[in-house]
PDB file of N, CA and C in Angstrom:
ATOM      1  N   MET A   1     162.845 -85.731 110.525  1.00  0.00           N
ATOM      2  CA  MET A   1     163.909 -85.498 109.559  1.00  0.00           C
ATOM      3  C   MET A   1     165.257 -85.663 110.229  1.00  0.00           C
ATOM      4  N   HIS A   2     166.236 -86.032 109.438  1.00  0.00           N
ATOM      5  CA  HIS A   2     167.587 -86.207 109.929  1.00  0.00           C
ATOM      6  C   HIS A   2     168.334 -84.886 109.837  1.00  0.00           C
ATOM      7  N   PRO A   3     169.223 -84.629 110.785  1.00  0.00           N
ATOM      8  CA  PRO A   3     170.077 -83.455 110.645  1.00  0.00           C
ATOM      9  C   PRO A   3     170.927 -83.602 109.382  1.00  0.00           C
ATOM     10  N   PRO A   4     171.422 -82.501 108.816  1.00  0.00           N
ATOM     11  CA  PRO A   4     172.153 -82.569 107.555  1.00  0.00           C
ATOM     12  C   PRO A   4     173.388 -83.465 107.605  1.00  0.00           C
ATOM     13  N   ASP A   5     174.049 -83.568 108.763  1.00  0.00           N
ATOM     14  CA  ASP A   5     175.278 -84.355 108.835  1.00  0.00           C
ATOM     15  C   ASP A   5     175.028 -85.823 109.189  1.00  0.00           C
ATOM     16  N   ALA A   6     173.787 -86.182 109.498  1.00  0.00           N
ATOM     17  CA  ALA A   6     173.486 -87.564 109.866  1.00  0.00           C
ATOM     18  C   ALA A   6     173.292 -88.409 108.613  1.00  0.00           C
ATOM     19  N   ALA A   7     173.721 -89.655 108.702  1.00  0.00           N
ATOM     20  CA  ALA A   7     173.545 -90.579 107.584  1.00  0.00           C
ATOM     21  C   ALA A   7     172.072 -90.988 107.505  1.00  0.00           C
ATOM     22  N   PRO A   8     171.550 -91.152 106.304  1.00  0.00           N
ATOM     23  CA  PRO A   8     170.145 -91.574 106.191  1.00  0.00           C
ATOM     24  C   PRO A   8     169.973 -93.002 106.714  1.00  0.00           C
ATOM     25  N   SER A   9     168.793 -93.264 107.183  1.00  0.00           N
ATOM     26  CA  SER A   9     168.516 -94.591 107.740  1.00  0.00           C
ATOM     27  C   SER A   9     168.439 -95.622 106.606  1.00  0.00           C
ATOM     28  N   PRO A  10     168.598 -96.896 106.950  1.00  0.00           N
ATOM     29  CA  PRO A  10     168.462 -97.936 105.914  1.00  0.00           C
ATOM     30  C   PRO A  10     167.095 -97.916 105.240  1.00  0.00           C
ATOM     31  N   ALA A  11     166.057 -97.613 106.005  1.00  0.00           N
ATOM     32  CA  ALA A  11     164.715 -97.547 105.415  1.00  0.00           C
ATOM     33  C   ALA A  11     164.606 -96.391 104.430  1.00  0.00           C
ATOM     34  N   ALA A  12     165.234 -95.261 104.767  1.00  0.00           N
ATOM     35  CA  ALA A  12     165.211 -94.119 103.844  1.00  0.00           C
ATOM     36  C   ALA A  12     165.982 -94.441 102.571  1.00  0.00           C
ATOM     37  N   LEU A  13     167.088 -95.153 102.705  1.00  0.00           N
ATOM     38  CA  LEU A  13     167.848 -95.567 101.519  1.00  0.00           C
ATOM     39  C   LEU A  13     167.034 -96.541 100.674  1.00  0.00           C
ATOM     40  N   ARG A  14     166.325 -97.440 101.347  1.00  0.00           N
ATOM     41  CA  ARG A  14     165.487 -98.399 100.618  1.00  0.00           C
ATOM     42  C   ARG A  14     164.352 -97.680  99.903  1.00  0.00           C
ATOM     43  N   ARG A  15     163.752 -96.694 100.566  1.00  0.00           N
ATOM     44  CA  ARG A  15     162.669 -95.922  99.944  1.00  0.00           C
ATOM     45  C   ARG A  15     163.173 -95.190  98.702  1.00  0.00           C
ATOM     46  N   ALA A  16     164.366 -94.609  98.778  1.00  0.00           N
ATOM     47  CA  ALA A  16     164.941 -93.923  97.618  1.00  0.00           C
ATOM     48  C   ALA A  16     165.213 -94.912  96.482  1.00  0.00           C
ATOM     49  N   ALA A  17     165.695 -96.111  96.827  1.00  0.00           N
ATOM     50  CA  ALA A  17     165.938 -97.132  95.805  1.00  0.00           C
ATOM     51  C   ALA A  17     164.625 -97.583  95.167  1.00  0.00           C
ATOM     52  N   LEU A  18     163.573 -97.720  95.979  1.00  0.00           N
ATOM     53  CA  LEU A  18     162.265 -98.090  95.439  1.00  0.00           C
ATOM     54  C   LEU A  18     161.737 -97.033  94.484  1.00  0.00           C
ATOM     55  N   GLN A  19     161.925 -95.764  94.839  1.00  0.00           N
ATOM     56  CA  GLN A  19     161.453 -94.687  93.969  1.00  0.00           C
ATOM     57  C   GLN A  19     162.231 -94.650  92.655  1.00  0.00           C
ATOM     58  N   ARG A  20     163.546 -94.910  92.715  1.00  0.00           N
ATOM     59  CA  ARG A  20     164.339 -94.972  91.481  1.00  0.00           C
ATOM     60  C   ARG A  20     163.878 -96.141  90.610  1.00  0.00           C
ATOM     61  N   HIS A  21     163.620 -97.286  91.235  1.00  0.00           N
ATOM     62  CA  HIS A  21     163.151 -98.456  90.483  1.00  0.00           C
ATOM     63  C   HIS A  21     161.793 -98.177  89.843  1.00  0.00           C
ATOM     64  N   PHE A  22     160.892 -97.534  90.576  1.00  0.00           N
ATOM     65  CA  PHE A  22     159.577 -97.197  90.035  1.00  0.00           C
ATOM     66  C   PHE A  22     159.727 -96.265  88.835  1.00  0.00           C
ATOM     67  N   TRP A  23     160.574 -95.251  88.945  1.00  0.00           N
ATOM     68  CA  TRP A  23     160.759 -94.312  87.851  1.00  0.00           C
ATOM     69  C   TRP A  23     161.363 -95.013  86.635  1.00  0.00           C
ATOM     70  N   ARG A  24     162.348 -95.878  86.861  1.00  0.00           N
ATOM     71  CA  ARG A  24     162.957 -96.597  85.730  1.00  0.00           C
ATOM     72  C   ARG A  24     161.947 -97.519  85.059  1.00  0.00           C
ATOM     73  N   SER A  25     161.101 -98.181  85.827  1.00  0.00           N
ATOM     74  CA  SER A  25     160.072 -99.052  85.260  1.00  0.00           C
ATOM     75  C   SER A  25     159.070 -98.241  84.441  1.00  0.00           C
ATOM     76  N   THR A  26     158.661 -97.104  84.975  1.00  0.00           N
ATOM     77  CA  THR A  26     157.732 -96.232  84.261  1.00  0.00           C
ATOM     78  C   THR A  26     158.354 -95.720  82.969  1.00  0.00           C
ATOM     79  N   LEU A  27     159.599 -95.310  83.044  1.00  0.00           N
ATOM     80  CA  LEU A  27     160.289 -94.801  81.863  1.00  0.00           C
ATOM     81  C   LEU A  27     160.469 -95.893  80.810  1.00  0.00           C
ATOM     82  N   ALA A  28     160.826 -97.102  81.225  1.00  0.00           N
ATOM     83  CA  ALA A  28     161.003 -98.210  80.280  1.00  0.00           C
ATOM     84  C   ALA A  28     159.681 -98.544  79.582  1.00  0.00           C
ATOM     85  N   LEU A  29     158.595 -98.566  80.329  1.00  0.00           N
ATOM     86  CA  LEU A  29     157.285 -98.833  79.740  1.00  0.00           C
ATOM     87  C   LEU A  29     156.919 -97.746  78.732  1.00  0.00           C
ATOM     88  N   THR A  30     157.128 -96.498  79.101  1.00  0.00           N
ATOM     89  CA  THR A  30     156.789 -95.387  78.221  1.00  0.00           C
ATOM     90  C   THR A  30     157.609 -95.426  76.934  1.00  0.00           C
ATOM     91  N   VAL A  31     158.900 -95.682  77.056  1.00  0.00           N
ATOM     92  CA  VAL A  31     159.762 -95.743  75.868  1.00  0.00           C
ATOM     93  C   VAL A  31     159.350 -96.905  74.968  1.00  0.00           C
ATOM     94  N   ALA A  32     159.054 -98.056  75.543  1.00  0.00           N
ATOM     95  CA  ALA A  32     158.649 -99.212  74.743  1.00  0.00           C
ATOM     96  C   ALA A  32     157.350 -98.944  73.987  1.00  0.00           C
ATOM     97  N   LEU A  33     156.383 -98.336  74.668  1.00  0.00           N
ATOM     98  CA  LEU A  33     155.111 -98.064  74.004  1.00  0.00           C
ATOM     99  C   LEU A  33     155.233 -96.935  72.983  1.00  0.00           C
ATOM    100  N   LEU A  34     156.096 -95.970  73.229  1.00  0.00           N
ATOM    101  CA  LEU A  34     156.349 -94.944  72.214  1.00  0.00           C
ATOM    102  C   LEU A  34     157.014 -95.544  70.983  1.00  0.00           C
ATOM    103  N   PHE A  35     157.861 -96.546  71.182  1.00  0.00           N
ATOM    104  CA  PHE A  35     158.482 -97.226  70.049  1.00  0.00           C
ATOM    105  C   PHE A  35     157.425 -97.957  69.218  1.00  0.00           C
ATOM    106  N   VAL A  36     156.480 -98.628  69.883  1.00  0.00           N
ATOM    107  CA  VAL A  36     155.387 -99.297  69.160  1.00  0.00           C
ATOM    108  C   VAL A  36     154.568 -98.257  68.404  1.00  0.00           C
ATOM    109  N   TRP A  37     154.254 -97.141  69.053  1.00  0.00           N
ATOM    110  CA  TRP A  37     153.512 -96.071  68.401  1.00  0.00           C
ATOM    111  C   TRP A  37     154.259 -95.575  67.161  1.00  0.00           C
ATOM    112  N   PHE A  38     155.572 -95.391  67.276  1.00  0.00           N
ATOM    113  CA  PHE A  38     156.381 -94.928  66.150  1.00  0.00           C
ATOM    114  C   PHE A  38     156.333 -95.941  65.007  1.00  0.00           C
ATOM    115  N   LEU A  39     156.456 -97.213  65.328  1.00  0.00           N
ATOM    116  CA  LEU A  39     156.398 -98.244  64.283  1.00  0.00           C
ATOM    117  C   LEU A  39     155.071 -98.199  63.536  1.00  0.00           C
ATOM    118  N   VAL A  40     153.986 -98.089  64.280  1.00  0.00           N
ATOM    119  CA  VAL A  40     152.667 -98.127  63.658  1.00  0.00           C
ATOM    120  C   VAL A  40     152.364 -96.851  62.886  1.00  0.00           C
ATOM    121  N   SER A  41     152.706 -95.711  63.448  1.00  0.00           N
ATOM    122  CA  SER A  41     152.301 -94.457  62.813  1.00  0.00           C
ATOM    123  C   SER A  41     153.278 -93.968  61.749  1.00  0.00           C
ATOM    124  N   VAL A  42     154.563 -94.203  61.903  1.00  0.00           N
ATOM    125  CA  VAL A  42     155.546 -93.657  60.964  1.00  0.00           C
ATOM    126  C   VAL A  42     156.083 -94.732  60.021  1.00  0.00           C
ATOM    127  N   VAL A  43     156.554 -95.830  60.567  1.00  0.00           N
ATOM    128  CA  VAL A  43     157.227 -96.837  59.743  1.00  0.00           C
ATOM    129  C   VAL A  43     156.241 -97.497  58.773  1.00  0.00           C
ATOM    130  N   VAL A  44     155.081 -97.887  59.256  1.00  0.00           N
ATOM    131  CA  VAL A  44     154.101 -98.525  58.374  1.00  0.00           C
ATOM    132  C   VAL A  44     153.658 -97.541  57.290  1.00  0.00           C
ATOM    133  N   THR A  45     153.459 -96.292  57.639  1.00  0.00           N
ATOM    134  CA  THR A  45     153.076 -95.286  56.652  1.00  0.00           C
ATOM    135  C   THR A  45     154.198 -95.052  55.647  1.00  0.00           C
ATOM    136  N   TRP A  46     155.422 -95.016  56.112  1.00  0.00           N
ATOM    137  CA  TRP A  46     156.570 -94.771  55.242  1.00  0.00           C
ATOM    138  C   TRP A  46     156.725 -95.883  54.196  1.00  0.00           C
ATOM    139  N   PHE A  47     156.496 -97.125  54.611  1.00  0.00           N
ATOM    140  CA  PHE A  47     156.655 -98.259  53.711  1.00  0.00           C
ATOM    141  C   PHE A  47     155.310 -98.790  53.208  1.00  0.00           C
ATOM    142  N   ALA A  48     154.310 -97.950  53.110  1.00  0.00           N
ATOM    143  CA  ALA A  48     152.964 -98.395  52.747  1.00  0.00           C
ATOM    144  C   ALA A  48     152.919 -99.036  51.365  1.00  0.00           C
ATOM    145  N   ARG A  49     153.620 -98.493  50.403  1.00  0.00           N
ATOM    146  CA  ARG A  49     153.573 -99.058  49.047  1.00  0.00           C
ATOM    147  C   ARG A  49     154.237-100.427  48.991  1.00  0.00           C
ATOM    148  N   GLU A  50     155.280-100.622  49.800  1.00  0.00           N
ATOM    149  CA  GLU A  50     155.966-101.915  49.804  1.00  0.00           C
ATOM    150  C   GLU A  50     155.162-102.988  50.547  1.00  0.00           C
ATOM    151  N   LEU A  51     154.264-102.557  51.409  1.00  0.00           N
ATOM    152  CA  LEU A  51     153.434-103.499  52.178  1.00  0.00           C
ATOM    153  C   LEU A  51     152.153-103.789  51.404  1.00  0.00           C
ATOM    154  N   SER A  52     152.285-104.382  50.258  1.00  0.00           N
ATOM    155  CA  SER A  52     151.124-104.577  49.383  1.00  0.00           C
ATOM    156  C   SER A  52     150.674-106.029  49.414  1.00  0.00           C
ATOM    157  N   PHE A  53     150.138-106.464  50.528  1.00  0.00           N
ATOM    158  CA  PHE A  53     149.537-107.787  50.632  1.00  0.00           C
ATOM    159  C   PHE A  53     148.149-107.628  51.226  1.00  0.00           C
ATOM    160  N   ASP A  54     147.288-108.589  50.948  1.00  0.00           N
ATOM    161  CA  ASP A  54     145.917-108.502  51.442  1.00  0.00           C
ATOM    162  C   ASP A  54     145.846-108.874  52.912  1.00  0.00           C
ATOM    163  N   PHE A  55     145.053-108.093  53.642  1.00  0.00           N
ATOM    164  CA  PHE A  55     144.849-108.299  55.070  1.00  0.00           C
ATOM    165  C   PHE A  55     143.360-108.114  55.321  1.00  0.00           C
ATOM    166  N   PHE A  56     142.662-109.161  55.697  1.00  0.00           N
ATOM    167  CA  PHE A  56     141.203-109.145  55.848  1.00  0.00           C
ATOM    168  C   PHE A  56     140.514-108.669  54.566  1.00  0.00           C
ATOM    169  N   GLY A  57     141.079-109.048  53.431  1.00  0.00           N
ATOM    170  CA  GLY A  57     140.468-108.714  52.151  1.00  0.00           C
ATOM    171  C   GLY A  57     140.800-107.321  51.623  1.00  0.00           C
ATOM    172  N   TRP A  58     141.617-106.581  52.322  1.00  0.00           N
ATOM    173  CA  TRP A  58     142.000-105.227  51.901  1.00  0.00           C
ATOM    174  C   TRP A  58     143.516-105.150  51.805  1.00  0.00           C
ATOM    175  N   PRO A  59     144.034-104.199  51.011  1.00  0.00           N
ATOM    176  CA  PRO A  59     145.488-103.989  51.034  1.00  0.00           C
ATOM    177  C   PRO A  59     145.920-103.572  52.448  1.00  0.00           C
ATOM    178  N   PHE A  60     147.035-104.124  52.896  1.00  0.00           N
ATOM    179  CA  PHE A  60     147.478-103.891  54.276  1.00  0.00           C
ATOM    180  C   PHE A  60     147.664-102.408  54.577  1.00  0.00           C
ATOM    181  N   SER A  61     148.249-101.664  53.656  1.00  0.00           N
ATOM    182  CA  SER A  61     148.485-100.237  53.908  1.00  0.00           C
ATOM    183  C   SER A  61     147.167 -99.493  54.101  1.00  0.00           C
ATOM    184  N   PHE A  62     146.150 -99.824  53.304  1.00  0.00           N
ATOM    185  CA  PHE A  62     144.841 -99.184  53.459  1.00  0.00           C
ATOM    186  C   PHE A  62     144.214 -99.578  54.795  1.00  0.00           C
ATOM    187  N   TRP A  63     144.314-100.863  55.140  1.00  0.00           N
ATOM    188  CA  TRP A  63     143.724-101.318  56.398  1.00  0.00           C
ATOM    189  C   TRP A  63     144.388-100.639  57.596  1.00  0.00           C
ATOM    190  N   MET A  64     145.716-100.515  57.560  1.00  0.00           N
ATOM    191  CA  MET A  64     146.425 -99.860  58.675  1.00  0.00           C
ATOM    192  C   MET A  64     146.020 -98.398  58.790  1.00  0.00           C
ATOM    193  N   ALA A  65     145.846 -97.729  57.660  1.00  0.00           N
ATOM    194  CA  ALA A  65     145.443 -96.324  57.699  1.00  0.00           C
ATOM    195  C   ALA A  65     144.014 -96.171  58.200  1.00  0.00           C
ATOM    196  N   ALA A  66     143.134 -97.094  57.797  1.00  0.00           N
ATOM    197  CA  ALA A  66     141.718 -96.960  58.151  1.00  0.00           C
ATOM    198  C   ALA A  66     141.374 -97.525  59.520  1.00  0.00           C
ATOM    199  N   GLN A  67     141.950 -98.682  59.885  1.00  0.00           N
ATOM    200  CA  GLN A  67     141.545 -99.352  61.110  1.00  0.00           C
ATOM    201  C   GLN A  67     142.701 -99.724  62.028  1.00  0.00           C
ATOM    202  N   GLY A  68     143.750-100.243  61.462  1.00  0.00           N
ATOM    203  CA  GLY A  68     144.828-100.833  62.249  1.00  0.00           C
ATOM    204  C   GLY A  68     145.479 -99.872  63.221  1.00  0.00           C
ATOM    205  N   GLY A  69     145.745 -98.656  62.760  1.00  0.00           N
ATOM    206  CA  GLY A  69     146.372 -97.673  63.639  1.00  0.00           C
ATOM    207  C   GLY A  69     145.525 -97.385  64.870  1.00  0.00           C
ATOM    208  N   LEU A  70     144.229 -97.212  64.653  1.00  0.00           N
ATOM    209  CA  LEU A  70     143.327 -96.938  65.784  1.00  0.00           C
ATOM    210  C   LEU A  70     143.280 -98.103  66.756  1.00  0.00           C
ATOM    211  N   VAL A  71     143.245 -99.316  66.223  1.00  0.00           N
ATOM    212  CA  VAL A  71     143.209-100.494  67.086  1.00  0.00           C
ATOM    213  C   VAL A  71     144.489-100.565  67.919  1.00  0.00           C
ATOM    214  N   VAL A  72     145.633-100.370  67.268  1.00  0.00           N
ATOM    215  CA  VAL A  72     146.910-100.441  67.987  1.00  0.00           C
ATOM    216  C   VAL A  72     147.007 -99.325  69.021  1.00  0.00           C
ATOM    217  N   PHE A  73     146.580 -98.122  68.691  1.00  0.00           N
ATOM    218  CA  PHE A  73     146.658 -97.016  69.651  1.00  0.00           C
ATOM    219  C   PHE A  73     145.769 -97.273  70.859  1.00  0.00           C
ATOM    220  N   CYS A  74     144.573 -97.823  70.638  1.00  0.00           N
ATOM    221  CA  CYS A  74     143.706 -98.171  71.771  1.00  0.00           C
ATOM    222  C   CYS A  74     144.341 -99.262  72.626  1.00  0.00           C
ATOM    223  N   LEU A  75     144.980-100.236  71.988  1.00  0.00           N
ATOM    224  CA  LEU A  75     145.675-101.281  72.741  1.00  0.00           C
ATOM    225  C   LEU A  75     146.844-100.717  73.537  1.00  0.00           C
ATOM    226  N   ILE A  76     147.547 -99.749  72.970  1.00  0.00           N
ATOM    227  CA  ILE A  76     148.655 -99.109  73.694  1.00  0.00           C
ATOM    228  C   ILE A  76     148.127 -98.423  74.956  1.00  0.00           C
ATOM    229  N   VAL A  77     147.038 -97.668  74.821  1.00  0.00           N
ATOM    230  CA  VAL A  77     146.464 -96.967  75.977  1.00  0.00           C
ATOM    231  C   VAL A  77     145.993 -97.968  77.032  1.00  0.00           C
ATOM    232  N   PHE A  78     145.311 -99.027  76.604  1.00  0.00           N
ATOM    233  CA  PHE A  78     144.834-100.047  77.539  1.00  0.00           C
ATOM    234  C   PHE A  78     146.004-100.710  78.264  1.00  0.00           C
ATOM    235  N   PHE A  79     147.025-101.111  77.511  1.00  0.00           N
ATOM    236  CA  PHE A  79     148.182-101.781  78.103  1.00  0.00           C
ATOM    237  C   PHE A  79     148.910-100.855  79.081  1.00  0.00           C
ATOM    238  N   TYR A  80     149.065 -99.578  78.712  1.00  0.00           N
ATOM    239  CA  TYR A  80     149.739 -98.616  79.590  1.00  0.00           C
ATOM    240  C   TYR A  80     148.957 -98.445  80.891  1.00  0.00           C
ATOM    241  N   ALA A  81     147.658 -98.254  80.787  1.00  0.00           N
ATOM    242  CA  ALA A  81     146.840 -98.041  81.989  1.00  0.00           C
ATOM    243  C   ALA A  81     146.880 -99.256  82.907  1.00  0.00           C
ATOM    244  N   ARG A  82     146.740-100.451  82.329  1.00  0.00           N
ATOM    245  CA  ARG A  82     146.752-101.669  83.144  1.00  0.00           C
ATOM    246  C   ARG A  82     148.112-101.881  83.806  1.00  0.00           C
ATOM    247  N   THR A  83     149.177-101.705  83.057  1.00  0.00           N
ATOM    248  CA  THR A  83     150.515-101.915  83.593  1.00  0.00           C
ATOM    249  C   THR A  83     150.865-100.863  84.641  1.00  0.00           C
ATOM    250  N   MET A  84     150.505 -99.619  84.406  1.00  0.00           N
ATOM    251  CA  MET A  84     150.799 -98.577  85.394  1.00  0.00           C
ATOM    252  C   MET A  84     149.999 -98.781  86.676  1.00  0.00           C
ATOM    253  N   ASN A  85     148.770 -99.258  86.576  1.00  0.00           N
ATOM    254  CA  ASN A  85     148.008 -99.568  87.787  1.00  0.00           C
ATOM    255  C   ASN A  85     148.706-100.640  88.607  1.00  0.00           C
ATOM    256  N   ARG A  86     149.206-101.666  87.935  1.00  0.00           N
ATOM    257  CA  ARG A  86     149.937-102.729  88.648  1.00  0.00           C
ATOM    258  C   ARG A  86     151.218-102.185  89.269  1.00  0.00           C
ATOM    259  N   LEU A  87     151.958-101.384  88.510  1.00  0.00           N
ATOM    260  CA  LEU A  87     153.188-100.793  89.063  1.00  0.00           C
ATOM    261  C   LEU A  87     152.887 -99.895  90.256  1.00  0.00           C
ATOM    262  N   ASP A  88     151.818 -99.094  90.153  1.00  0.00           N
ATOM    263  CA  ASP A  88     151.433 -98.222  91.265  1.00  0.00           C
ATOM    264  C   ASP A  88     151.093 -99.030  92.518  1.00  0.00           C
ATOM    265  N   GLU A  89     150.361-100.124  92.343  1.00  0.00           N
ATOM    266  CA  GLU A  89     150.004-100.963  93.496  1.00  0.00           C
ATOM    267  C   GLU A  89     151.243-101.585  94.134  1.00  0.00           C
ATOM    268  N   LEU A  90     152.138-102.110  93.303  1.00  0.00           N
ATOM    269  CA  LEU A  90     153.372-102.698  93.836  1.00  0.00           C
ATOM    270  C   LEU A  90     154.217-101.651  94.550  1.00  0.00           C
ATOM    271  N   HIS A  91     154.309-100.472  93.967  1.00  0.00           N
ATOM    272  CA  HIS A  91     155.113 -99.399  94.570  1.00  0.00           C
ATOM    273  C   HIS A  91     154.501 -98.936  95.888  1.00  0.00           C
ATOM    274  N   ALA A  92     153.183 -98.793  95.922  1.00  0.00           N
ATOM    275  CA  ALA A  92     152.517 -98.372  97.161  1.00  0.00           C
ATOM    276  C   ALA A  92     152.714 -99.404  98.263  1.00  0.00           C
ATOM    277  N   ALA A  93     152.625-100.691  97.920  1.00  0.00           N
ATOM    278  CA  ALA A  93     152.823-101.742  98.923  1.00  0.00           C
ATOM    279  C   ALA A  93     154.259-101.738  99.433  1.00  0.00           C
ATOM    280  N   ALA A  94     155.218-101.564  98.539  1.00  0.00           N
ATOM    281  CA  ALA A  94     156.621-101.530  98.955  1.00  0.00           C
ATOM    282  C   ALA A  94     156.904-100.307  99.814  1.00  0.00           C
ATOM    283  N   LEU A  95     156.325 -99.160  99.474  1.00  0.00           N
ATOM    284  CA  LEU A  95     156.521 -97.957 100.293  1.00  0.00           C
ATOM    285  C   LEU A  95     155.864 -98.105 101.657  1.00  0.00           C
ATOM    286  N   ALA A  96     154.710 -98.763 101.717  1.00  0.00           N
ATOM    287  CA  ALA A  96     154.049 -98.989 103.010  1.00  0.00           C
ATOM    288  C   ALA A  96     154.906 -99.890 103.888  1.00  0.00           C
ATOM    289  N   GLN A  97     155.497-100.916 103.298  1.00  0.00           N
ATOM    290  CA  GLN A  97     156.379-101.794 104.057  1.00  0.00           C
ATOM    291  C   GLN A  97     157.612-101.023 104.525  1.00  0.00           C
ATOM    292  N   CYS A  98     158.131-100.171 103.677  1.00  0.00           N
ATOM    293  CA  CYS A  98     159.300 -99.361 104.027  1.00  0.00           C
ATOM    294  C   CYS A  98     158.954 -98.395 105.173  1.00  0.00           C
ATOM    295  N   ALA A  99     157.769 -97.795 105.123  1.00  0.00           N
ATOM    296  CA  ALA A  99     157.344 -96.889 106.185  1.00  0.00           C
ATOM    297  C   ALA A  99     157.177 -97.636 107.505  1.00  0.00           C
ATOM    298  N   ALA A 100     156.663 -98.862 107.447  1.00  0.00           N
ATOM    299  CA  ALA A 100     156.513 -99.664 108.665  1.00  0.00           C
ATOM    300  C   ALA A 100     157.880-100.001 109.249  1.00  0.00           C
ATOM    301  N   GLU A 101     158.841-100.326 108.392  1.00  0.00           N
ATOM    302  CA  GLU A 101     160.196-100.605 108.873  1.00  0.00           C
ATOM    303  C   GLU A 101     160.827 -99.355 109.478  1.00  0.00           C
ATOM    304  N   GLU A 102     160.585 -98.213 108.851  1.00  0.00           N
ATOM    305  CA  GLU A 102     161.146 -96.962 109.348  1.00  0.00           C
ATOM    306  C   GLU A 102     160.548 -96.599 110.706  1.00  0.00           C
ATOM    307  N   ALA A 103     159.250 -96.857 110.884  1.00  0.00           N
ATOM    308  CA  ALA A 103     158.596 -96.567 112.158  1.00  0.00           C
ATOM    309  C   ALA A 103     159.092 -97.508 113.249  1.00  0.00           C
ATOM    310  N   ALA A 104     159.499 -98.707 112.881  1.00  0.00           N
ATOM    311  CA  ALA A 104     159.960 -99.680 113.865  1.00  0.00           C
ATOM    312  C   ALA A 104     161.424 -99.472 114.256  1.00  0.00           C
ATOM    313  N   GLU A 105     162.144 -98.656 113.478  1.00  0.00           N
ATOM    314  CA  GLU A 105     163.558 -98.412 113.809  1.00  0.00           C
ATOM    315  C   GLU A 105     163.667 -97.665 115.133  1.00  0.00           C
ATOM    316  N   PRO A 106     164.627 -98.042 115.956  1.00  0.00           N
ATOM    317  CA  PRO A 106     164.822 -97.282 117.196  1.00  0.00           C
ATOM    318  C   PRO A 106     165.397 -95.903 116.887  1.00  0.00           C
ATOM    319  N   GLN A 107     165.036 -94.959 117.677  1.00  0.00           N
ATOM    320  CA  GLN A 107     165.540 -93.595 117.509  1.00  0.00           C
ATOM    321  C   GLN A 107     166.898 -93.508 118.189  1.00  0.00           C
ATOM    322  N   ALA A 108     167.932 -93.981 117.502  1.00  0.00           N
ATOM    323  CA  ALA A 108     169.273 -94.083 118.080  1.00  0.00           C
ATOM    324  C   ALA A 108     169.914 -92.722 118.325  1.00  0.00           C
ATOM    325  N   ALA A 109     169.563 -91.744 117.526  1.00  0.00           N
ATOM    326  CA  ALA A 109     170.234 -90.449 117.654  1.00  0.00           C
ATOM    327  C   ALA A 109     169.887 -89.753 118.971  1.00  0.00           C
ATOM    328  N   GLY A 110     168.647 -89.842 119.415  1.00  0.00           N
ATOM    329  CA  GLY A 110     168.260 -89.121 120.621  1.00  0.00           C
ATOM    330  C   GLY A 110     168.105 -90.013 121.836  1.00  0.00           C
ATOM    331  N   ALA A 111     168.337 -91.302 121.706  1.00  0.00           N
ATOM    332  CA  ALA A 111     168.130 -92.227 122.822  1.00  0.00           C
ATOM    333  C   ALA A 111     169.325 -92.176 123.769  1.00  0.00           C
ATOM    334  N   PRO A 112     169.065 -92.139 125.069  1.00  0.00           N
ATOM    335  CA  PRO A 112     170.186 -92.172 126.025  1.00  0.00           C
ATOM    336  C   PRO A 112     170.825 -93.550 126.033  1.00  0.00           C
ATOM    337  N   SER A 113     172.078 -93.587 126.345  1.00  0.00           N
ATOM    338  CA  SER A 113     172.769 -94.878 126.349  1.00  0.00           C
ATOM    339  C   SER A 113     172.332 -95.656 127.579  1.00  0.00           C
ATOM    340  N   SER A 114     172.245 -96.981 127.418  1.00  0.00           N
ATOM    341  CA  SER A 114     171.748 -97.809 128.519  1.00  0.00           C
ATOM    342  C   SER A 114     172.875 -98.201 129.477  1.00  0.00           C
ATOM    343  N   GLY A 115     174.111 -98.126 129.035  1.00  0.00           N
ATOM    344  CA  GLY A 115     175.224 -98.500 129.901  1.00  0.00           C
ATOM    345  C   GLY A 115     175.646 -97.335 130.785  1.00  0.00           C
ATOM    346  N   ALA A 116     176.040 -97.635 132.022  1.00  0.00           N
ATOM    347  CA  ALA A 116     176.505 -96.591 132.923  1.00  0.00           C
ATOM    348  C   ALA A 116     177.988 -96.378 132.692  1.00  0.00           C
ATOM    349  N   SER A 117     178.379 -95.137 132.709  1.00  0.00           N
ATOM    350  CA  SER A 117     179.811 -94.850 132.487  1.00  0.00           C
ATOM    351  C   SER A 117     180.530 -94.947 133.810  1.00  0.00           C
ATOM    352  N   SER A 118     181.674 -95.574 133.775  1.00  0.00           N
ATOM    353  CA  SER A 118     182.480 -95.679 134.995  1.00  0.00           C
ATOM    354  C   SER A 118     183.490 -94.562 134.974  1.00  0.00           C
ATOM    355  N   GLY A 119     183.673 -93.953 136.056  1.00  0.00           N
ATOM    356  CA  GLY A 119     184.603 -92.866 135.991  1.00  0.00           C
ATOM    357  C   GLY A 119     184.983 -92.297 137.209  1.00  0.00           C
TER     358      GLY A 119
END
């Protein structure tokens, strides 16, 4: 760990930036999928009478209530799980690279100077 008055290392700054990027990506995915969920569960139900066209031989509003919502919700869960697995793998690889860079950094704070002082 760094003393409180020491500046964080470039690798530590990169790790913090990676974690912020991971969180923003996760949040963006969650918000997007919640928006799809809202469209399917609330908006389609709200406008069910206006959505009166045949879909697979049934009125669209009836089909969405009976089958469509479940299909979309299962697709949302599948898409979220697959995308989060990919994000987790990318984040883990980036953090491993960051840790390797941090381990390779010289310990400048405690290292003695190599030059001799004249005096």
